[in-house]
Amino acid sequence: MMAPARLVVWMMAPVGWMMAVVRSTMAQVGRMMTPVGWMMAPVGWMMAPVVWMMAPVVWMMAPVVWMMAPVGWMMAVVRSTMAQVGSTMAQVGRMMTPVGWMMAPVGWMMAVV
């Protein structure tokens, strides 16, 4: 009864080793990224006042965006309705095709007469 369990453990071992390699590689990358983080920090501090100045602009824009939303919804409804109409037209066209084929010989005979 223990044999299958032991087999599973042996099969799992390489997975564990690969996970360890991945983890140590990630740690290495993290260590290399640290100086980048330190260099980026002053940029972030310089950006902060810009972001604060932008905030009122964003707040003023918000009502405009909210007013635009219903327009977007109406456009979506119109577009889906148009798509429905188009697909119905295509369906009618497909149904008409055999009628066209049947009519063609009649047209040719009429042309001769």
PDB file of N, CA and C in Angstrom:
ATOM      1  N   MET A   1       0.831  -1.206   0.000  1.00  0.00           N
ATOM      2  CA  MET A   1       0.000   0.000   0.000  1.00  0.00           C
ATOM      3  C   MET A   1       0.871   1.263   0.000  1.00  0.00           C
ATOM      4  N   MET A   2       2.078   1.142   0.572  1.00  0.00           N
ATOM      5  CA  MET A   2       2.962   2.309   0.660  1.00  0.00           C
ATOM      6  C   MET A   2       3.655   2.596  -0.673  1.00  0.00           C
ATOM      7  N   ALA A   3       3.777   1.580  -1.534  1.00  0.00           N
ATOM      8  CA  ALA A   3       4.532   1.747  -2.791  1.00  0.00           C
ATOM      9  C   ALA A   3       3.987   2.878  -3.665  1.00  0.00           C
ATOM     10  N   PRO A   4       2.684   2.952  -3.921  1.00  0.00           N
ATOM     11  CA  PRO A   4       2.180   4.049  -4.770  1.00  0.00           C
ATOM     12  C   PRO A   4       2.471   5.421  -4.163  1.00  0.00           C
ATOM     13  N   ALA A   5       2.342   5.523  -2.838  1.00  0.00           N
ATOM     14  CA  ALA A   5       2.602   6.799  -2.164  1.00  0.00           C
ATOM     15  C   ALA A   5       4.055   7.202  -2.357  1.00  0.00           C
ATOM     16  N   ARG A   6       4.969   6.234  -2.218  1.00  0.00           N
ATOM     17  CA  ARG A   6       6.397   6.503  -2.390  1.00  0.00           C
ATOM     18  C   ARG A   6       6.681   6.954  -3.818  1.00  0.00           C
ATOM     19  N   LEU A   7       6.002   6.323  -4.793  1.00  0.00           N
ATOM     20  CA  LEU A   7       6.168   6.662  -6.207  1.00  0.00           C
ATOM     21  C   LEU A   7       5.741   8.111  -6.454  1.00  0.00           C
ATOM     22  N   VAL A   8       4.616   8.492  -5.855  1.00  0.00           N
ATOM     23  CA  VAL A   8       4.116   9.862  -5.996  1.00  0.00           C
ATOM     24  C   VAL A   8       5.140  10.843  -5.443  1.00  0.00           C
ATOM     25  N   VAL A   9       5.703  10.513  -4.263  1.00  0.00           N
ATOM     26  CA  VAL A   9       6.705  11.389  -3.636  1.00  0.00           C
ATOM     27  C   VAL A   9       7.904  11.551  -4.562  1.00  0.00           C
ATOM     28  N   TRP A  10       8.387  10.453  -5.162  1.00  0.00           N
ATOM     29  CA  TRP A  10       9.538  10.520  -6.081  1.00  0.00           C
ATOM     30  C   TRP A  10       9.221  11.375  -7.303  1.00  0.00           C
ATOM     31  N   MET A  11       7.988  11.240  -7.808  1.00  0.00           N
ATOM     32  CA  MET A  11       7.604  12.034  -8.980  1.00  0.00           C
ATOM     33  C   MET A  11       7.492  13.515  -8.622  1.00  0.00           C
ATOM     34  N   MET A  12       7.104  13.788  -7.380  1.00  0.00           N
ATOM     35  CA  MET A  12       6.944  15.172  -6.936  1.00  0.00           C
ATOM     36  C   MET A  12       8.289  15.861  -6.718  1.00  0.00           C
ATOM     37  N   ALA A  13       9.317  15.109  -6.390  1.00  0.00           N
ATOM     38  CA  ALA A  13      10.619  15.692  -6.041  1.00  0.00           C
ATOM     39  C   ALA A  13      11.148  16.642  -7.113  1.00  0.00           C
ATOM     40  N   PRO A  14      11.167  16.252  -8.411  1.00  0.00           N
ATOM     41  CA  PRO A  14      11.686  17.181  -9.432  1.00  0.00           C
ATOM     42  C   PRO A  14      10.885  18.485  -9.485  1.00  0.00           C
ATOM     43  N   VAL A  15       9.576  18.391  -9.222  1.00  0.00           N
ATOM     44  CA  VAL A  15       8.741  19.588  -9.207  1.00  0.00           C
ATOM     45  C   VAL A  15       9.234  20.521  -8.101  1.00  0.00           C
ATOM     46  N   GLY A  16       9.499  19.930  -6.931  1.00  0.00           N
ATOM     47  CA  GLY A  16      10.012  20.709  -5.797  1.00  0.00           C
ATOM     48  C   GLY A  16      11.326  21.381  -6.137  1.00  0.00           C
ATOM     49  N   TRP A  17      12.229  20.645  -6.806  1.00  0.00           N
ATOM     50  CA  TRP A  17      13.531  21.212  -7.180  1.00  0.00           C
ATOM     51  C   TRP A  17      13.356  22.364  -8.159  1.00  0.00           C
ATOM     52  N   MET A  18      12.463  22.180  -9.132  1.00  0.00           N
ATOM     53  CA  MET A  18      12.232  23.246 -10.118  1.00  0.00           C
ATOM     54  C   MET A  18      11.663  24.484  -9.425  1.00  0.00           C
ATOM     55  N   MET A  19      10.767  24.255  -8.457  1.00  0.00           N
ATOM     56  CA  MET A  19      10.176  25.367  -7.715  1.00  0.00           C
ATOM     57  C   MET A  19      11.264  26.118  -6.954  1.00  0.00           C
ATOM     58  N   ALA A  20      12.200  25.374  -6.370  1.00  0.00           N
ATOM     59  CA  ALA A  20      13.294  25.989  -5.609  1.00  0.00           C
ATOM     60  C   ALA A  20      14.152  26.856  -6.525  1.00  0.00           C
ATOM     61  N   VAL A  21      14.439  26.334  -7.729  1.00  0.00           N
ATOM     62  CA  VAL A  21      15.235  27.082  -8.708  1.00  0.00           C
ATOM     63  C   VAL A  21      14.507  28.366  -9.091  1.00  0.00           C
ATOM     64  N   VAL A  22      13.214  28.236  -9.364  1.00  0.00           N
ATOM     65  CA  VAL A  22      12.414  29.400  -9.749  1.00  0.00           C
ATOM     66  C   VAL A  22      12.441  30.436  -8.628  1.00  0.00           C
ATOM     67  N   ARG A  23      12.269  29.953  -7.380  1.00  0.00           N
ATOM     68  CA  ARG A  23      12.227  30.870  -6.245  1.00  0.00           C
ATOM     69  C   ARG A  23      13.556  31.601  -6.080  1.00  0.00           C
ATOM     70  N   SER A  24      14.665  30.855  -6.214  1.00  0.00           N
ATOM     71  CA  SER A  24      15.977  31.499  -6.034  1.00  0.00           C
ATOM     72  C   SER A  24      16.247  32.473  -7.176  1.00  0.00           C
ATOM     73  N   THR A  25      15.775  32.128  -8.405  1.00  0.00           N
ATOM     74  CA  THR A  25      15.946  33.035  -9.554  1.00  0.00           C
ATOM     75  C   THR A  25      15.154  34.311  -9.307  1.00  0.00           C
ATOM     76  N   MET A  26      13.925  34.164  -8.792  1.00  0.00           N
ATOM     77  CA  MET A  26      13.078  35.323  -8.503  1.00  0.00           C
ATOM     78  C   MET A  26      13.745  36.204  -7.455  1.00  0.00           C
ATOM     79  N   ALA A  27      14.346  35.569  -6.450  1.00  0.00           N
ATOM     80  CA  ALA A  27      15.021  36.321  -5.389  1.00  0.00           C
ATOM     81  C   ALA A  27      16.176  37.126  -5.979  1.00  0.00           C
ATOM     82  N   GLN A  28      16.931  36.484  -6.887  1.00  0.00           N
ATOM     83  CA  GLN A  28      18.063  37.136  -7.554  1.00  0.00           C
ATOM     84  C   GLN A  28      17.583  38.369  -8.325  1.00  0.00           C
ATOM     85  N   VAL A  29      16.498  38.187  -9.093  1.00  0.00           N
ATOM     86  CA  VAL A  29      15.923  39.286  -9.874  1.00  0.00           C
ATOM     87  C   VAL A  29      15.502  40.415  -8.927  1.00  0.00           C
ATOM     88  N   GLY A  30      14.867  40.033  -7.827  1.00  0.00           N
ATOM     89  CA  GLY A  30      14.439  41.018  -6.834  1.00  0.00           C
ATOM     90  C   GLY A  30      15.617  41.832  -6.310  1.00  0.00           C
ATOM     91  N   ARG A  31      16.735  41.147  -6.033  1.00  0.00           N
ATOM     92  CA  ARG A  31      17.928  41.843  -5.525  1.00  0.00           C
ATOM     93  C   ARG A  31      18.471  42.805  -6.566  1.00  0.00           C
ATOM     94  N   MET A  32      18.429  42.393  -7.836  1.00  0.00           N
ATOM     95  CA  MET A  32      18.938  43.261  -8.901  1.00  0.00           C
ATOM     96  C   MET A  32      18.013  44.470  -9.096  1.00  0.00           C
ATOM     97  N   MET A  33      16.730  44.284  -8.847  1.00  0.00           N
ATOM     98  CA  MET A  33      15.762  45.353  -9.051  1.00  0.00           C
ATOM     99  C   MET A  33      15.836  46.429  -7.967  1.00  0.00           C
ATOM    100  N   THR A  34      16.335  46.066  -6.791  1.00  0.00           N
ATOM    101  CA  THR A  34      16.348  47.002  -5.657  1.00  0.00           C
ATOM    102  C   THR A  34      16.967  48.354  -6.004  1.00  0.00           C
ATOM    103  N   PRO A  35      18.197  48.407  -6.598  1.00  0.00           N
ATOM    104  CA  PRO A  35      18.771  49.719  -6.931  1.00  0.00           C
ATOM    105  C   PRO A  35      17.888  50.506  -7.898  1.00  0.00           C
ATOM    106  N   VAL A  36      17.225  49.785  -8.802  1.00  0.00           N
ATOM    107  CA  VAL A  36      16.321  50.442  -9.745  1.00  0.00           C
ATOM    108  C   VAL A  36      15.205  51.140  -8.962  1.00  0.00           C
ATOM    109  N   GLY A  37      14.685  50.439  -7.963  1.00  0.00           N
ATOM    110  CA  GLY A  37      13.643  51.012  -7.110  1.00  0.00           C
ATOM    111  C   GLY A  37      14.123  52.284  -6.430  1.00  0.00           C
ATOM    112  N   TRP A  38      15.353  52.258  -5.917  1.00  0.00           N
ATOM    113  CA  TRP A  38      15.902  53.440  -5.241  1.00  0.00           C
ATOM    114  C   TRP A  38      16.052  54.602  -6.218  1.00  0.00           C
ATOM    115  N   MET A  39      16.466  54.285  -7.446  1.00  0.00           N
ATOM    116  CA  MET A  39      16.629  55.350  -8.441  1.00  0.00           C
ATOM    117  C   MET A  39      15.266  55.919  -8.861  1.00  0.00           C
ATOM    118  N   MET A  40      14.256  55.060  -8.875  1.00  0.00           N
ATOM    119  CA  MET A  40      12.922  55.487  -9.295  1.00  0.00           C
ATOM    120  C   MET A  40      12.236  56.352  -8.245  1.00  0.00           C
ATOM    121  N   ALA A  41      12.570  56.157  -6.969  1.00  0.00           N
ATOM    122  CA  ALA A  41      11.879  56.864  -5.883  1.00  0.00           C
ATOM    123  C   ALA A  41      11.872  58.379  -6.083  1.00  0.00           C
ATOM    124  N   PRO A  42      13.046  59.027  -6.373  1.00  0.00           N
ATOM    125  CA  PRO A  42      13.010  60.491  -6.562  1.00  0.00           C
ATOM    126  C   PRO A  42      12.081  60.913  -7.694  1.00  0.00           C
ATOM    127  N   VAL A  43      12.018  60.087  -8.741  1.00  0.00           N
ATOM    128  CA  VAL A  43      11.114  60.388  -9.858  1.00  0.00           C
ATOM    129  C   VAL A  43       9.673  60.403  -9.341  1.00  0.00           C
ATOM    130  N   GLY A  44       9.340  59.410  -8.534  1.00  0.00           N
ATOM    131  CA  GLY A  44       8.002  59.332  -7.941  1.00  0.00           C
ATOM    132  C   GLY A  44       7.690  60.558  -7.110  1.00  0.00           C
ATOM    133  N   TRP A  45       8.688  61.008  -6.305  1.00  0.00           N
ATOM    134  CA  TRP A  45       8.467  62.187  -5.463  1.00  0.00           C
ATOM    135  C   TRP A  45       8.249  63.432  -6.323  1.00  0.00           C
ATOM    136  N   MET A  46       8.991  63.535  -7.418  1.00  0.00           N
ATOM    137  CA  MET A  46       8.831  64.700  -8.294  1.00  0.00           C
ATOM    138  C   MET A  46       7.476  64.673  -8.993  1.00  0.00           C
ATOM    139  N   MET A  47       7.007  63.464  -9.293  1.00  0.00           N
ATOM    140  CA  MET A  47       5.729  63.307  -9.987  1.00  0.00           C
ATOM    141  C   MET A  47       4.540  63.644  -9.088  1.00  0.00           C
ATOM    142  N   ALA A  48       4.682  63.420  -7.790  1.00  0.00           N
ATOM    143  CA  ALA A  48       3.560  63.572  -6.862  1.00  0.00           C
ATOM    144  C   ALA A  48       2.863  64.932  -6.993  1.00  0.00           C
ATOM    145  N   PRO A  49       3.607  66.073  -6.971  1.00  0.00           N
ATOM    146  CA  PRO A  49       2.909  67.365  -7.094  1.00  0.00           C
ATOM    147  C   PRO A  49       2.133  67.489  -8.401  1.00  0.00           C
ATOM    148  N   VAL A  50       2.688  66.916  -9.468  1.00  0.00           N
ATOM    149  CA  VAL A  50       2.006  66.955 -10.774  1.00  0.00           C
ATOM    150  C   VAL A  50       0.673  66.219 -10.662  1.00  0.00           C
ATOM    151  N   VAL A  51       0.713  65.036 -10.033  1.00  0.00           N
ATOM    152  CA  VAL A  51      -0.502  64.233  -9.858  1.00  0.00           C
ATOM    153  C   VAL A  51      -1.525  65.019  -9.039  1.00  0.00           C
ATOM    154  N   TRP A  52      -1.046  65.679  -7.955  1.00  0.00           N
ATOM    155  CA  TRP A  52      -1.959  66.462  -7.120  1.00  0.00           C
ATOM    156  C   TRP A  52      -2.590  67.610  -7.905  1.00  0.00           C
ATOM    157  N   MET A  53      -1.812  68.229  -8.783  1.00  0.00           N
ATOM    158  CA  MET A  53      -2.358  69.318  -9.594  1.00  0.00           C
ATOM    159  C   MET A  53      -3.369  68.785 -10.605  1.00  0.00           C
ATOM    160  N   MET A  54      -3.145  67.570 -11.073  1.00  0.00           N
ATOM    161  CA  MET A  54      -4.040  66.965 -12.062  1.00  0.00           C
ATOM    162  C   MET A  54      -5.387  66.557 -11.454  1.00  0.00           C
ATOM    163  N   ALA A  55      -5.383  66.235 -10.169  1.00  0.00           N
ATOM    164  CA  ALA A  55      -6.581  65.687  -9.525  1.00  0.00           C
ATOM    165  C   ALA A  55      -7.827  66.546  -9.754  1.00  0.00           C
ATOM    166  N   PRO A  56      -7.766  67.897  -9.526  1.00  0.00           N
ATOM    167  CA  PRO A  56      -8.985  68.701  -9.756  1.00  0.00           C
ATOM    168  C   PRO A  56      -9.489  68.615 -11.192  1.00  0.00           C
ATOM    169  N   VAL A  57      -8.561  68.509 -12.134  1.00  0.00           N
ATOM    170  CA  VAL A  57      -8.947  68.388 -13.549  1.00  0.00           C
ATOM    171  C   VAL A  57      -9.744  67.103 -13.735  1.00  0.00           C
ATOM    172  N   VAL A  58      -9.236  66.020 -13.128  1.00  0.00           N
ATOM    173  CA  VAL A  58      -9.913  64.718 -13.231  1.00  0.00           C
ATOM    174  C   VAL A  58     -11.309  64.818 -12.615  1.00  0.00           C
ATOM    175  N   TRP A  59     -11.402  65.495 -11.435  1.00  0.00           N
ATOM    176  CA  TRP A  59     -12.713  65.644 -10.781  1.00  0.00           C
ATOM    177  C   TRP A  59     -13.673  66.431 -11.650  1.00  0.00           C
ATOM    178  N   MET A  60     -13.178  67.461 -12.319  1.00  0.00           N
ATOM    179  CA  MET A  60     -14.043  68.250 -13.191  1.00  0.00           C
ATOM    180  C   MET A  60     -14.491  67.423 -14.403  1.00  0.00           C
ATOM    181  N   MET A  61     -13.614  66.531 -14.860  1.00  0.00           N
ATOM    182  CA  MET A  61     -13.936  65.693 -16.022  1.00  0.00           C
ATOM    183  C   MET A  61     -14.990  64.646 -15.681  1.00  0.00           C
ATOM    184  N   ALA A  62     -15.023  64.196 -14.431  1.00  0.00           N
ATOM    185  CA  ALA A  62     -15.893  63.085 -14.035  1.00  0.00           C
ATOM    186  C   ALA A  62     -17.354  63.297 -14.437  1.00  0.00           C
ATOM    187  N   PRO A  63     -17.961  64.467 -14.132  1.00  0.00           N
ATOM    188  CA  PRO A  63     -19.374  64.651 -14.527  1.00  0.00           C
ATOM    189  C   PRO A  63     -19.577  64.534 -16.037  1.00  0.00           C
ATOM    190  N   VAL A  64     -18.588  65.023 -16.795  1.00  0.00           N
ATOM    191  CA  VAL A  64     -18.678  64.931 -18.257  1.00  0.00           C
ATOM    192  C   VAL A  64     -18.725  63.459 -18.674  1.00  0.00           C
ATOM    193  N   VAL A  65     -17.840  62.667 -18.057  1.00  0.00           N
ATOM    194  CA  VAL A  65     -17.788  61.224 -18.368  1.00  0.00           C
ATOM    195  C   VAL A  65     -19.126  60.579 -18.022  1.00  0.00           C
ATOM    196  N   TRP A  66     -19.678  60.951 -16.837  1.00  0.00           N
ATOM    197  CA  TRP A  66     -20.967  60.373 -16.429  1.00  0.00           C
ATOM    198  C   TRP A  66     -22.074  60.750 -17.400  1.00  0.00           C
ATOM    199  N   MET A  67     -22.042  61.978 -17.892  1.00  0.00           N
ATOM    200  CA  MET A  67     -23.070  62.403 -18.851  1.00  0.00           C
ATOM    201  C   MET A  67     -22.904  61.664 -20.183  1.00  0.00           C
ATOM    202  N   MET A  68     -21.662  61.344 -20.518  1.00  0.00           N
ATOM    203  CA  MET A  68     -21.401  60.650 -21.778  1.00  0.00           C
ATOM    204  C   MET A  68     -21.858  59.189 -21.737  1.00  0.00           C
ATOM    205  N   ALA A  69     -21.857  58.596 -20.551  1.00  0.00           N
ATOM    206  CA  ALA A  69     -22.156  57.162 -20.425  1.00  0.00           C
ATOM    207  C   ALA A  69     -23.485  56.775 -21.075  1.00  0.00           C
ATOM    208  N   PRO A  70     -24.604  57.498 -20.776  1.00  0.00           N
ATOM    209  CA  PRO A  70     -25.881  57.122 -21.415  1.00  0.00           C
ATOM    210  C   PRO A  70     -25.796  57.169 -22.939  1.00  0.00           C
ATOM    211  N   VAL A  71     -25.030  58.135 -23.462  1.00  0.00           N
ATOM    212  CA  VAL A  71     -24.870  58.238 -24.924  1.00  0.00           C
ATOM    213  C   VAL A  71     -24.228  56.948 -25.434  1.00  0.00           C
ATOM    214  N   GLY A  72     -23.184  56.500 -24.727  1.00  0.00           N
ATOM    215  CA  GLY A  72     -22.512  55.250 -25.099  1.00  0.00           C
ATOM    216  C   GLY A  72     -23.473  54.072 -25.093  1.00  0.00           C
ATOM    217  N   TRP A  73     -24.327  54.028 -24.029  1.00  0.00           N
ATOM    218  CA  TRP A  73     -25.287  52.921 -23.945  1.00  0.00           C
ATOM    219  C   TRP A  73     -26.271  52.968 -25.103  1.00  0.00           C
ATOM    220  N   MET A  74     -26.742  54.173 -25.422  1.00  0.00           N
ATOM    221  CA  MET A  74     -27.695  54.304 -26.531  1.00  0.00           C
ATOM    222  C   MET A  74     -27.042  53.884 -27.845  1.00  0.00           C
ATOM    223  N   MET A  75     -25.758  54.270 -28.009  1.00  0.00           N
ATOM    224  CA  MET A  75     -25.029  53.899 -29.220  1.00  0.00           C
ATOM    225  C   MET A  75     -24.919  52.373 -29.317  1.00  0.00           C
ATOM    226  N   ALA A  76     -24.668  51.742 -28.175  1.00  0.00           N
ATOM    227  CA  ALA A  76     -24.538  50.278 -28.151  1.00  0.00           C
ATOM    228  C   ALA A  76     -25.850  49.629 -28.587  1.00  0.00           C
ATOM    229  N   VAL A  77     -26.975  50.188 -28.086  1.00  0.00           N
ATOM    230  CA  VAL A  77     -28.302  49.659 -28.442  1.00  0.00           C
ATOM    231  C   VAL A  77     -28.530  49.821 -29.944  1.00  0.00           C
ATOM    232  N   VAL A  78     -28.209  51.025 -30.451  1.00  0.00           N
ATOM    233  CA  VAL A  78     -28.385  51.301 -31.880  1.00  0.00           C
ATOM    234  C   VAL A  78     -27.544  50.318 -32.696  1.00  0.00           C
ATOM    235  N   ARG A  79     -26.284  50.140 -32.268  1.00  0.00           N
ATOM    236  CA  ARG A  79     -25.387  49.263 -33.024  1.00  0.00           C
ATOM    237  C   ARG A  79     -25.915  47.835 -33.039  1.00  0.00           C
ATOM    238  N   SER A  80     -26.391  47.348 -31.861  1.00  0.00           N
ATOM    239  CA  SER A  80     -26.885  45.968 -31.811  1.00  0.00           C
ATOM    240  C   SER A  80     -28.155  45.834 -32.642  1.00  0.00           C
ATOM    241  N   THR A  81     -29.002  46.888 -32.638  1.00  0.00           N
ATOM    242  CA  THR A  81     -30.231  46.858 -33.452  1.00  0.00           C
ATOM    243  C   THR A  81     -29.861  46.799 -34.931  1.00  0.00           C
ATOM    244  N   MET A  82     -28.875  47.625 -35.326  1.00  0.00           N
ATOM    245  CA  MET A  82     -28.420  47.645 -36.724  1.00  0.00           C
ATOM    246  C   MET A  82     -27.874  46.273 -37.125  1.00  0.00           C
ATOM    247  N   ALA A  83     -27.125  45.670 -36.212  1.00  0.00           N
ATOM    248  CA  ALA A  83     -26.554  44.347 -36.487  1.00  0.00           C
ATOM    249  C   ALA A  83     -27.677  43.334 -36.707  1.00  0.00           C
ATOM    250  N   GLN A  84     -28.723  43.444 -35.858  1.00  0.00           N
ATOM    251  CA  GLN A  84     -29.879  42.549 -35.967  1.00  0.00           C
ATOM    252  C   GLN A  84     -30.542  42.718 -37.332  1.00  0.00           C
ATOM    253  N   VAL A  85     -30.750  43.982 -37.730  1.00  0.00           N
ATOM    254  CA  VAL A  85     -31.382  44.282 -39.024  1.00  0.00           C
ATOM    255  C   VAL A  85     -30.523  43.704 -40.148  1.00  0.00           C
ATOM    256  N   GLY A  86     -29.210  43.943 -40.066  1.00  0.00           N
ATOM    257  CA  GLY A  86     -28.288  43.439 -41.094  1.00  0.00           C
ATOM    258  C   GLY A  86     -28.355  41.933 -41.209  1.00  0.00           C
ATOM    259  N   SER A  87     -28.380  41.245 -40.042  1.00  0.00           N
ATOM    260  CA  SER A  87     -28.396  39.778 -40.078  1.00  0.00           C
ATOM    261  C   SER A  87     -29.730  39.281 -40.631  1.00  0.00           C
ATOM    262  N   THR A  88     -30.834  40.005 -40.317  1.00  0.00           N
ATOM    263  CA  THR A  88     -32.156  39.630 -40.859  1.00  0.00           C
ATOM    264  C   THR A  88     -32.145  39.782 -42.380  1.00  0.00           C
ATOM    265  N   MET A  89     -31.552  40.879 -42.863  1.00  0.00           N
ATOM    266  CA  MET A  89     -31.456  41.131 -44.308  1.00  0.00           C
ATOM    267  C   MET A  89     -30.654  40.012 -44.981  1.00  0.00           C
ATOM    268  N   ALA A  90     -29.564  39.611 -44.341  1.00  0.00           N
ATOM    269  CA  ALA A  90     -28.721  38.542 -44.889  1.00  0.00           C
ATOM    270  C   ALA A  90     -29.516  37.243 -44.974  1.00  0.00           C
ATOM    271  N   GLN A  91     -30.321  36.989 -43.905  1.00  0.00           N
ATOM    272  CA  GLN A  91     -31.149  35.779 -43.861  1.00  0.00           C
ATOM    273  C   GLN A  91     -32.133  35.793 -45.038  1.00  0.00           C
ATOM    274  N   VAL A  92     -32.794  36.928 -45.232  1.00  0.00           N
ATOM    275  CA  VAL A  92     -33.750  37.070 -46.339  1.00  0.00           C
ATOM    276  C   VAL A  92     -33.021  36.834 -47.657  1.00  0.00           C
ATOM    277  N   GLY A  93     -31.838  37.429 -47.801  1.00  0.00           N
ATOM    278  CA  GLY A  93     -31.031  37.251 -49.018  1.00  0.00           C
ATOM    279  C   GLY A  93     -30.734  35.782 -49.290  1.00  0.00           C
ATOM    280  N   ARG A  94     -30.373  35.069 -48.218  1.00  0.00           N
ATOM    281  CA  ARG A  94     -30.066  33.630 -48.362  1.00  0.00           C
ATOM    282  C   ARG A  94     -31.308  32.860 -48.806  1.00  0.00           C
ATOM    283  N   MET A  95     -32.460  33.226 -48.229  1.00  0.00           N
ATOM    284  CA  MET A  95     -33.695  32.535 -48.593  1.00  0.00           C
ATOM    285  C   MET A  95     -34.093  32.843 -50.040  1.00  0.00           C
ATOM    286  N   MET A  96     -33.776  34.028 -50.525  1.00  0.00           N
ATOM    287  CA  MET A  96     -34.133  34.455 -51.882  1.00  0.00           C
ATOM    288  C   MET A  96     -33.278  33.766 -52.949  1.00  0.00           C
ATOM    289  N   THR A  97     -32.071  33.328 -52.569  1.00  0.00           N
ATOM    290  CA  THR A  97     -31.133  32.760 -53.544  1.00  0.00           C
ATOM    291  C   THR A  97     -31.762  31.651 -54.404  1.00  0.00           C
ATOM    292  N   PRO A  98     -32.390  30.619 -53.775  1.00  0.00           N
ATOM    293  CA  PRO A  98     -32.986  29.566 -54.612  1.00  0.00           C
ATOM    294  C   PRO A  98     -34.049  30.113 -55.564  1.00  0.00           C
ATOM    295  N   VAL A  99     -34.799  31.117 -55.086  1.00  0.00           N
ATOM    296  CA  VAL A  99     -35.825  31.734 -55.939  1.00  0.00           C
ATOM    297  C   VAL A  99     -35.146  32.334 -57.169  1.00  0.00           C
ATOM    298  N   GLY A 100     -34.029  33.011 -56.953  1.00  0.00           N
ATOM    299  CA  GLY A 100     -33.260  33.590 -58.064  1.00  0.00           C
ATOM    300  C   GLY A 100     -32.833  32.536 -59.067  1.00  0.00           C
ATOM    301  N   TRP A 101     -32.357  31.378 -58.546  1.00  0.00           N
ATOM    302  CA  TRP A 101     -31.920  30.302 -59.451  1.00  0.00           C
ATOM    303  C   TRP A 101     -33.096  29.777 -60.276  1.00  0.00           C
ATOM    304  N   MET A 102     -34.249  29.656 -59.621  1.00  0.00           N
ATOM    305  CA  MET A 102     -35.418  29.147 -60.332  1.00  0.00           C
ATOM    306  C   MET A 102     -35.909  30.153 -61.380  1.00  0.00           C
ATOM    307  N   MET A 103     -35.751  31.430 -61.071  1.00  0.00           N
ATOM    308  CA  MET A 103     -36.214  32.476 -61.974  1.00  0.00           C
ATOM    309  C   MET A 103     -35.300  32.633 -63.201  1.00  0.00           C
ATOM    310  N   ALA A 104     -34.019  32.310 -63.043  1.00  0.00           N
ATOM    311  CA  ALA A 104     -33.046  32.536 -64.123  1.00  0.00           C
ATOM    312  C   ALA A 104     -33.473  31.895 -65.447  1.00  0.00           C
ATOM    313  N   PRO A 105     -33.845  30.601 -65.466  1.00  0.00           N
ATOM    314  CA  PRO A 105     -34.247  30.005 -66.746  1.00  0.00           C
ATOM    315  C   PRO A 105     -35.434  30.735 -67.381  1.00  0.00           C
ATOM    316  N   VAL A 106     -36.367  31.194 -66.515  1.00  0.00           N
ATOM    317  CA  VAL A 106     -37.517  31.943 -67.013  1.00  0.00           C
ATOM    318  C   VAL A 106     -37.027  33.200 -67.725  1.00  0.00           C
ATOM    319  N   GLY A 107     -36.089  33.882 -67.108  1.00  0.00           N
ATOM    320  CA  GLY A 107     -35.511  35.102 -67.694  1.00  0.00           C
ATOM    321  C   GLY A 107     -34.862  34.799 -69.027  1.00  0.00           C
ATOM    322  N   TRP A 108     -34.114  33.667 -69.113  1.00  0.00           N
ATOM    323  CA  TRP A 108     -33.437  33.328 -70.374  1.00  0.00           C
ATOM    324  C   TRP A 108     -34.457  33.045 -71.488  1.00  0.00           C
ATOM    325  N   MET A 109     -35.530  32.330 -71.100  1.00  0.00           N
ATOM    326  CA  MET A 109     -36.562  32.017 -72.114  1.00  0.00           C
ATOM    327  C   MET A 109     -37.258  33.292 -72.575  1.00  0.00           C
ATOM    328  N   MET A 110     -37.499  34.207 -71.655  1.00  0.00           N
ATOM    329  CA  MET A 110     -38.133  35.480 -71.991  1.00  0.00           C
ATOM    330  C   MET A 110     -37.240  36.257 -72.942  1.00  0.00           C
ATOM    331  N   ALA A 111     -35.914  36.200 -72.669  1.00  0.00           N
ATOM    332  CA  ALA A 111     -34.955  36.946 -73.504  1.00  0.00           C
ATOM    333  C   ALA A 111     -35.015  36.424 -74.946  1.00  0.00           C
ATOM    334  N   VAL A 112     -35.132  35.107 -75.094  1.00  0.00           N
ATOM    335  CA  VAL A 112     -35.168  34.501 -76.423  1.00  0.00           C
ATOM    336  C   VAL A 112     -36.476  34.917 -77.132  1.00  0.00           C
ATOM    337  N   VAL A 113     -37.592  34.865 -76.415  1.00  0.00           N
ATOM    338  CA  VAL A 113     -38.891  35.242 -76.992  1.00  0.00           C
ATOM    339  C   VAL A 113     -38.870  36.759 -77.243  1.00  0.00           C
TER     340      VAL A 113
END
